Amino acid sequence: MKRVLIGATVSAVLVYVACKLHQQGKLDGIYDGVNKFAFKAKRNLKNVADAGKNQAEYIKDRVEYEFQNGKE
């Protein structure tokens, strides 16, 4: 029970400090950094998905080509 109360107290203090820093505008740089990171991660994930799709289409085309022409 003692650990739960200590954890709750520490959490409440951290939330209070975060709220005060937000009100003072000292977390704006962190928000910008997180937004840039999220944008880059989303873009990279989209690129990976597109590359996988392109590779699957290429393999499909190669299989169809080999099937139609017969491999010698």
Foldseek 3Di string as FASTA:
>chain_A
DVVVVVVVVVVVVVVVVVVVCVVVVVCVVVVVVVVVVVVVVVVVVVVVVVVVVVVVVVVVVVVVVCVVVPDD
